[in-house]
């Protein structure tokens, strides 16, 4: 649910990608012209399930990208909404079979520059199940 409305995006792709020298699982979904993208830092995944990964904002002390985040794109012509808090729970993960499943709840904020009144939405009861993700060529070591 996004702001109380059902969103059941179909998976456009699920790929292991490298961003700023770190490997992430990127899951992109689409429903009509709306999109939701989920990023999970691969170094945080292990076999101790269920595994909870909390969102932590990037800061001057912590230059690392967040361990997990969701990006909401309700309209490709408008600014995206970025995670400001939340968590993801991985319920199944098989790196050999490249499968992953879990659920998540996040709060996202509209990326509007110069606006003092930031708009936020709740992304809740999120669920995902990936039968087999791919590995981007540049992510292979």
N, C-alpha and C. Protein backbone atom coordinates (compact mmCIF):
# COMPACT_ATOMS: atom_id res chain seq x y z
N UNK A 1 0.84 -1.18 0.00
CA UNK A 1 0.00 0.00 0.00
C UNK A 1 0.89 1.24 0.00
N UNK A 2 0.49 2.22 -0.78
CA UNK A 2 1.18 3.50 -0.80
C UNK A 2 0.14 4.55 -0.41
N UNK A 3 0.35 5.20 0.71
CA UNK A 3 -0.59 6.20 1.22
C UNK A 3 -2.00 5.62 1.33
N UNK A 4 -2.08 4.34 1.73
CA UNK A 4 -3.36 3.69 1.94
C UNK A 4 -3.96 3.04 0.70
N UNK A 5 -3.40 3.29 -0.47
CA UNK A 5 -3.92 2.72 -1.71
C UNK A 5 -3.10 1.49 -2.11
N UNK A 6 -3.80 0.47 -2.63
CA UNK A 6 -3.10 -0.73 -3.07
C UNK A 6 -2.22 -0.44 -4.26
N UNK A 7 -1.00 -0.92 -4.20
CA UNK A 7 -0.06 -0.85 -5.33
C UNK A 7 0.43 -2.27 -5.52
N UNK A 8 0.15 -2.85 -6.68
CA UNK A 8 0.62 -4.21 -6.94
C UNK A 8 1.41 -4.21 -8.24
N UNK A 9 2.59 -3.62 -8.15
CA UNK A 9 3.45 -3.52 -9.33
C UNK A 9 4.00 -4.86 -9.76
N UNK A 10 4.12 -5.02 -11.04
CA UNK A 10 4.74 -6.22 -11.61
C UNK A 10 6.26 -5.97 -11.67
N UNK A 11 7.03 -7.01 -11.45
CA UNK A 11 8.48 -6.85 -11.45
C UNK A 11 8.97 -6.60 -12.88
N UNK A 12 9.58 -5.43 -13.06
CA UNK A 12 10.17 -5.08 -14.35
C UNK A 12 11.53 -5.75 -14.47
N UNK A 13 12.31 -5.68 -13.41
CA UNK A 13 13.57 -6.42 -13.36
C UNK A 13 14.07 -6.52 -11.93
N UNK A 14 14.90 -7.54 -11.72
CA UNK A 14 15.55 -7.77 -10.44
C UNK A 14 17.00 -8.11 -10.79
N UNK A 15 17.90 -7.19 -10.47
CA UNK A 15 19.28 -7.30 -10.92
C UNK A 15 20.24 -6.93 -9.80
N UNK A 16 21.35 -7.67 -9.72
CA UNK A 16 22.43 -7.27 -8.82
C UNK A 16 23.25 -6.23 -9.56
N UNK A 17 23.38 -5.04 -8.97
CA UNK A 17 24.10 -3.94 -9.61
C UNK A 17 25.16 -3.39 -8.66
N UNK A 18 26.17 -2.72 -9.24
CA UNK A 18 27.19 -2.04 -8.43
C UNK A 18 26.89 -0.55 -8.46
N UNK A 19 26.80 0.05 -7.25
CA UNK A 19 26.58 1.49 -7.11
C UNK A 19 27.64 1.98 -6.13
N UNK A 20 28.47 2.91 -6.55
CA UNK A 20 29.52 3.47 -5.69
C UNK A 20 30.35 2.36 -5.02
N UNK A 21 30.80 1.41 -5.81
CA UNK A 21 31.67 0.31 -5.37
C UNK A 21 31.00 -0.67 -4.41
N UNK A 22 29.68 -0.63 -4.28
CA UNK A 22 28.97 -1.59 -3.43
C UNK A 22 27.95 -2.32 -4.28
N UNK A 23 27.72 -3.60 -3.95
CA UNK A 23 26.74 -4.39 -4.69
C UNK A 23 25.38 -4.34 -4.01
N UNK A 24 24.37 -4.09 -4.83
CA UNK A 24 22.98 -4.02 -4.37
C UNK A 24 22.12 -4.94 -5.20
N UNK A 25 21.03 -5.41 -4.60
CA UNK A 25 19.98 -6.05 -5.38
C UNK A 25 18.97 -4.94 -5.65
N UNK A 26 18.73 -4.69 -6.92
CA UNK A 26 17.78 -3.65 -7.33
C UNK A 26 16.55 -4.35 -7.88
N UNK A 27 15.39 -4.08 -7.26
CA UNK A 27 14.13 -4.67 -7.71
C UNK A 27 13.25 -3.52 -8.18
N UNK A 28 12.96 -3.49 -9.47
CA UNK A 28 12.13 -2.42 -10.03
C UNK A 28 10.76 -2.99 -10.39
N UNK A 29 9.70 -2.31 -9.92
CA UNK A 29 8.34 -2.74 -10.24
C UNK A 29 7.61 -1.63 -10.98
N UNK A 30 6.56 -2.02 -11.69
CA UNK A 30 5.80 -1.07 -12.50
C UNK A 30 4.32 -1.43 -12.44
N UNK A 31 3.48 -0.42 -12.29
CA UNK A 31 2.03 -0.58 -12.40
C UNK A 31 1.55 0.64 -13.17
N UNK A 32 1.12 0.42 -14.40
CA UNK A 32 0.80 1.52 -15.33
C UNK A 32 2.02 2.43 -15.41
N UNK A 33 1.89 3.74 -15.13
CA UNK A 33 3.09 4.58 -15.24
C UNK A 33 3.76 4.82 -13.88
N UNK A 34 3.29 4.12 -12.84
CA UNK A 34 3.89 4.25 -11.51
C UNK A 34 4.98 3.21 -11.32
N UNK A 35 6.01 3.58 -10.56
CA UNK A 35 7.09 2.64 -10.31
C UNK A 35 7.55 2.67 -8.87
N UNK A 36 8.05 1.54 -8.41
CA UNK A 36 8.65 1.45 -7.09
C UNK A 36 9.94 0.66 -7.24
N UNK A 37 11.02 1.19 -6.66
CA UNK A 37 12.32 0.55 -6.76
C UNK A 37 12.81 0.25 -5.35
N UNK A 38 13.25 -0.96 -5.14
CA UNK A 38 13.75 -1.41 -3.85
C UNK A 38 15.23 -1.73 -4.02
N UNK A 39 16.06 -1.21 -3.11
CA UNK A 39 17.50 -1.46 -3.14
C UNK A 39 17.91 -2.13 -1.83
N UNK A 40 18.65 -3.25 -1.94
CA UNK A 40 19.11 -3.99 -0.76
C UNK A 40 20.61 -4.21 -0.92
N UNK A 41 21.39 -3.74 0.06
CA UNK A 41 22.85 -3.92 0.02
C UNK A 41 23.16 -5.40 0.25
N UNK A 42 23.87 -6.01 -0.71
CA UNK A 42 24.12 -7.45 -0.65
C UNK A 42 24.97 -7.86 0.54
N UNK A 43 25.87 -7.00 1.02
CA UNK A 43 26.71 -7.38 2.17
C UNK A 43 25.88 -7.54 3.44
N UNK A 44 24.65 -7.04 3.45
CA UNK A 44 23.78 -7.15 4.63
C UNK A 44 23.00 -8.46 4.63
N UNK A 45 22.99 -9.17 3.50
CA UNK A 45 22.22 -10.41 3.41
C UNK A 45 23.05 -11.58 3.91
N UNK A 46 22.41 -12.44 4.71
CA UNK A 46 23.05 -13.67 5.16
C UNK A 46 21.98 -14.73 5.36
N UNK A 47 22.37 -15.89 5.84
CA UNK A 47 21.42 -16.99 5.93
C UNK A 47 20.64 -17.01 7.25
N UNK A 48 20.90 -16.06 8.15
CA UNK A 48 20.17 -16.01 9.42
C UNK A 48 18.82 -15.33 9.17
N UNK A 49 17.80 -16.14 8.91
CA UNK A 49 16.49 -15.60 8.55
C UNK A 49 15.48 -15.86 9.66
N UNK A 50 14.49 -15.01 9.84
CA UNK A 50 14.29 -13.75 9.11
C UNK A 50 15.34 -12.71 9.49
N UNK A 51 15.67 -11.87 8.54
CA UNK A 51 16.72 -10.86 8.70
C UNK A 51 16.09 -9.48 8.53
N UNK A 52 16.21 -8.64 9.57
CA UNK A 52 15.66 -7.28 9.50
C UNK A 52 16.79 -6.31 9.16
N UNK A 53 16.55 -5.50 8.12
CA UNK A 53 17.52 -4.47 7.73
C UNK A 53 16.81 -3.13 7.84
N UNK A 54 17.32 -2.25 8.70
CA UNK A 54 16.70 -0.95 8.91
C UNK A 54 17.33 0.10 8.00
N UNK A 55 16.51 1.07 7.58
CA UNK A 55 17.01 2.18 6.78
C UNK A 55 17.79 3.13 7.69
N UNK A 56 18.95 3.57 7.23
CA UNK A 56 19.73 4.59 7.93
C UNK A 56 20.18 5.59 6.88
N UNK A 57 19.88 6.85 7.10
CA UNK A 57 20.19 7.89 6.12
C UNK A 57 21.69 8.08 5.97
N UNK A 58 22.09 8.49 4.79
CA UNK A 58 23.49 8.83 4.54
C UNK A 58 23.77 10.14 5.28
N UNK A 59 24.94 10.23 5.91
CA UNK A 59 25.29 11.43 6.67
C UNK A 59 26.74 11.79 6.37
N UNK A 60 27.20 12.98 6.80
CA UNK A 60 28.61 13.34 6.57
C UNK A 60 29.58 12.33 7.19
N UNK A 61 29.23 11.78 8.37
CA UNK A 61 30.10 10.79 9.01
C UNK A 61 30.00 9.45 8.29
N UNK A 62 28.80 9.15 7.79
CA UNK A 62 28.54 7.87 7.15
C UNK A 62 28.33 8.11 5.66
N UNK A 63 29.40 8.04 4.89
CA UNK A 63 29.31 8.31 3.46
C UNK A 63 28.72 7.13 2.68
N UNK A 64 28.52 6.03 3.35
CA UNK A 64 27.99 4.84 2.68
C UNK A 64 26.54 5.06 2.27
N UNK A 65 26.16 4.38 1.22
CA UNK A 65 24.76 4.41 0.78
C UNK A 65 23.93 3.63 1.79
N UNK A 66 22.62 3.92 1.89
CA UNK A 66 21.77 3.17 2.83
C UNK A 66 21.81 1.66 2.54
N UNK A 67 21.67 0.86 3.61
CA UNK A 67 21.67 -0.61 3.46
C UNK A 67 20.43 -1.07 2.71
N UNK A 68 19.34 -0.33 2.86
CA UNK A 68 18.08 -0.69 2.21
C UNK A 68 17.28 0.60 2.02
N UNK A 69 16.59 0.69 0.91
CA UNK A 69 15.69 1.83 0.70
C UNK A 69 14.71 1.52 -0.41
N UNK A 70 13.61 2.29 -0.40
CA UNK A 70 12.63 2.20 -1.47
C UNK A 70 12.51 3.59 -2.09
N UNK A 71 12.31 3.61 -3.39
CA UNK A 71 12.08 4.87 -4.10
C UNK A 71 10.73 4.74 -4.81
N UNK A 72 9.86 5.70 -4.55
CA UNK A 72 8.51 5.70 -5.12
C UNK A 72 8.48 6.71 -6.27
N UNK A 73 8.04 6.26 -7.44
CA UNK A 73 7.97 7.10 -8.63
C UNK A 73 6.52 7.07 -9.13
N UNK A 74 5.65 7.94 -8.55
CA UNK A 74 4.25 7.91 -8.95
C UNK A 74 4.01 8.44 -10.36
N UNK A 75 4.93 9.27 -10.84
CA UNK A 75 4.81 9.86 -12.17
C UNK A 75 6.22 10.14 -12.67
N UNK A 76 6.62 9.53 -13.82
CA UNK A 76 7.99 9.73 -14.30
C UNK A 76 8.33 11.19 -14.63
N UNK A 77 7.31 12.04 -14.77
CA UNK A 77 7.54 13.45 -15.08
C UNK A 77 7.72 14.31 -13.83
N UNK A 78 7.50 13.72 -12.64
CA UNK A 78 7.57 14.45 -11.37
C UNK A 78 8.74 13.94 -10.54
N UNK A 79 9.14 14.72 -9.50
CA UNK A 79 10.24 14.24 -8.63
C UNK A 79 9.87 12.93 -7.95
N UNK A 80 10.87 12.11 -7.71
CA UNK A 80 10.66 10.84 -7.01
C UNK A 80 10.53 11.08 -5.51
N UNK A 81 10.08 10.05 -4.80
CA UNK A 81 9.96 10.07 -3.34
C UNK A 81 11.03 9.14 -2.79
N UNK A 82 11.83 9.64 -1.84
CA UNK A 82 12.94 8.87 -1.28
C UNK A 82 12.67 8.46 0.15
N UNK A 83 13.23 7.34 0.55
CA UNK A 83 13.05 6.81 1.90
C UNK A 83 13.62 7.76 2.95
N UNK A 84 12.85 7.94 4.05
CA UNK A 84 13.37 8.67 5.21
C UNK A 84 13.37 7.80 6.47
N UNK A 85 12.60 6.71 6.45
CA UNK A 85 12.64 5.75 7.56
C UNK A 85 11.97 4.46 7.13
N UNK A 86 12.24 3.40 7.88
CA UNK A 86 11.58 2.12 7.60
C UNK A 86 12.53 0.95 7.70
N UNK A 87 11.98 -0.23 7.33
CA UNK A 87 12.77 -1.44 7.40
C UNK A 87 12.25 -2.49 6.43
N UNK A 88 13.13 -3.44 6.15
CA UNK A 88 12.81 -4.56 5.28
C UNK A 88 13.13 -5.83 6.04
N UNK A 89 12.30 -6.85 5.92
CA UNK A 89 12.55 -8.13 6.55
C UNK A 89 12.68 -9.17 5.44
N UNK A 90 13.88 -9.78 5.35
CA UNK A 90 14.12 -10.83 4.37
C UNK A 90 13.67 -12.15 5.00
N UNK A 91 12.72 -12.83 4.34
CA UNK A 91 12.19 -14.09 4.87
C UNK A 91 12.78 -15.31 4.17
N UNK A 92 13.34 -15.10 2.97
CA UNK A 92 13.99 -16.20 2.23
C UNK A 92 15.10 -15.60 1.38
N UNK A 93 16.26 -16.26 1.36
CA UNK A 93 17.37 -15.79 0.54
C UNK A 93 18.25 -16.97 0.18
N UNK A 94 18.48 -17.16 -1.11
CA UNK A 94 19.34 -18.22 -1.61
C UNK A 94 20.28 -17.63 -2.65
N UNK A 95 21.52 -17.26 -2.23
CA UNK A 95 22.45 -16.64 -3.19
C UNK A 95 22.82 -17.56 -4.35
N UNK A 96 22.87 -18.87 -4.11
CA UNK A 96 23.21 -19.80 -5.19
C UNK A 96 22.09 -19.85 -6.24
N UNK A 97 20.86 -19.91 -5.77
CA UNK A 97 19.71 -19.95 -6.68
C UNK A 97 19.24 -18.57 -7.11
N UNK A 98 19.86 -17.52 -6.51
CA UNK A 98 19.51 -16.12 -6.80
C UNK A 98 18.03 -15.84 -6.55
N UNK A 99 17.52 -16.32 -5.41
CA UNK A 99 16.13 -16.05 -5.04
C UNK A 99 16.11 -15.28 -3.72
N UNK A 100 15.07 -14.45 -3.56
CA UNK A 100 14.91 -13.67 -2.34
C UNK A 100 13.43 -13.34 -2.17
N UNK A 101 13.00 -13.25 -0.92
CA UNK A 101 11.61 -12.86 -0.63
C UNK A 101 11.61 -12.12 0.70
N UNK A 102 10.59 -11.30 0.89
CA UNK A 102 10.47 -10.58 2.15
C UNK A 102 9.33 -9.60 2.15
N UNK A 103 9.34 -8.73 3.15
CA UNK A 103 8.31 -7.70 3.26
C UNK A 103 8.95 -6.43 3.81
N UNK A 104 8.22 -5.31 3.66
CA UNK A 104 8.80 -4.04 4.06
C UNK A 104 7.74 -3.00 4.39
N UNK A 105 8.17 -2.01 5.17
CA UNK A 105 7.39 -0.82 5.51
C UNK A 105 8.35 0.35 5.52
N UNK A 106 8.01 1.40 4.77
CA UNK A 106 8.87 2.58 4.69
C UNK A 106 8.03 3.85 4.73
N UNK A 107 8.67 4.96 5.05
CA UNK A 107 8.10 6.29 4.88
C UNK A 107 8.96 6.97 3.84
N UNK A 108 8.32 7.55 2.81
CA UNK A 108 9.06 8.23 1.75
C UNK A 108 8.68 9.70 1.73
N UNK A 109 9.62 10.51 1.26
CA UNK A 109 9.45 11.96 1.22
C UNK A 109 9.68 12.43 -0.21
N UNK A 110 8.83 13.35 -0.67
CA UNK A 110 8.96 13.87 -2.03
C UNK A 110 10.22 14.72 -2.14
N UNK A 111 11.00 14.45 -3.18
CA UNK A 111 12.25 15.17 -3.41
C UNK A 111 11.96 16.52 -4.06
N UNK A 112 11.64 17.52 -3.24
CA UNK A 112 11.38 18.87 -3.72
C UNK A 112 12.40 19.80 -3.10
N UNK A 113 13.16 20.45 -3.95
CA UNK A 113 14.22 21.32 -3.45
C UNK A 113 13.65 22.69 -3.10
N UNK A 114 14.11 23.25 -1.98
CA UNK A 114 13.69 24.58 -1.57
C UNK A 114 12.36 24.62 -0.84
N UNK A 115 11.68 23.48 -0.71
CA UNK A 115 10.39 23.45 -0.02
C UNK A 115 10.60 23.15 1.46
N UNK A 116 10.03 23.98 2.32
CA UNK A 116 10.15 23.75 3.77
C UNK A 116 9.14 22.70 4.23
N UNK A 117 8.00 22.63 3.57
CA UNK A 117 6.96 21.67 3.95
C UNK A 117 7.11 20.42 3.10
N UNK A 118 7.85 19.46 3.64
CA UNK A 118 8.10 18.21 2.92
C UNK A 118 6.85 17.33 3.01
N UNK A 119 6.50 16.72 1.88
CA UNK A 119 5.37 15.79 1.84
C UNK A 119 5.90 14.38 2.05
N UNK A 120 5.21 13.61 2.91
CA UNK A 120 5.61 12.23 3.14
C UNK A 120 4.42 11.30 2.88
N UNK A 121 4.75 10.05 2.57
CA UNK A 121 3.75 8.99 2.37
C UNK A 121 4.24 7.73 3.06
N UNK A 122 3.30 6.88 3.45
CA UNK A 122 3.67 5.59 4.02
C UNK A 122 3.57 4.53 2.93
N UNK A 123 4.61 3.71 2.85
CA UNK A 123 4.61 2.53 1.99
C UNK A 123 4.57 1.38 2.98
N UNK A 124 3.42 0.68 3.04
CA UNK A 124 3.26 -0.34 4.08
C UNK A 124 2.75 -1.66 3.51
N UNK A 125 2.97 -2.71 4.28
CA UNK A 125 2.56 -4.06 3.91
C UNK A 125 3.16 -4.49 2.58
N UNK A 126 4.37 -3.98 2.28
CA UNK A 126 5.04 -4.37 1.03
C UNK A 126 5.54 -5.79 1.09
N UNK A 127 5.40 -6.50 -0.01
CA UNK A 127 5.86 -7.89 -0.10
C UNK A 127 6.56 -8.07 -1.44
N UNK A 128 7.60 -8.90 -1.44
CA UNK A 128 8.27 -9.22 -2.69
C UNK A 128 8.77 -10.65 -2.66
N UNK A 129 8.82 -11.25 -3.85
CA UNK A 129 9.34 -12.60 -4.01
C UNK A 129 9.95 -12.68 -5.40
N UNK A 130 11.24 -12.93 -5.44
CA UNK A 130 11.97 -12.96 -6.70
C UNK A 130 12.38 -14.40 -6.99
N UNK A 131 11.90 -14.94 -8.10
CA UNK A 131 12.22 -16.32 -8.47
C UNK A 131 13.68 -16.44 -8.88
N UNK A 132 14.21 -15.46 -9.61
CA UNK A 132 15.63 -15.49 -9.94
C UNK A 132 16.07 -14.11 -10.42
N UNK A 133 16.96 -13.49 -9.63
CA UNK A 133 17.49 -12.20 -10.06
C UNK A 133 18.71 -12.42 -10.95
N UNK A 134 19.05 -11.38 -11.70
CA UNK A 134 20.18 -11.44 -12.63
C UNK A 134 21.37 -10.70 -12.02
N UNK A 135 22.53 -10.89 -12.58
CA UNK A 135 23.72 -10.15 -12.16
C UNK A 135 24.18 -9.32 -13.35
N UNK A 136 24.21 -8.01 -13.15
CA UNK A 136 24.69 -7.09 -14.19
C UNK A 136 26.15 -7.41 -14.47
N UNK A 137 26.55 -7.31 -15.73
CA UNK A 137 27.93 -7.65 -16.10
C UNK A 137 28.96 -6.94 -15.25
N UNK A 138 28.80 -5.62 -15.01
CA UNK A 138 29.80 -4.86 -14.25
C UNK A 138 29.82 -5.22 -12.77
N UNK A 139 28.79 -5.94 -12.29
CA UNK A 139 28.76 -6.32 -10.87
C UNK A 139 29.56 -7.59 -10.63
N UNK A 140 29.89 -8.33 -11.68
CA UNK A 140 30.67 -9.58 -11.50
C UNK A 140 32.10 -9.22 -11.15
N UNK A 141 32.66 -9.95 -10.22
CA UNK A 141 34.04 -9.68 -9.79
C UNK A 141 34.99 -10.66 -10.48
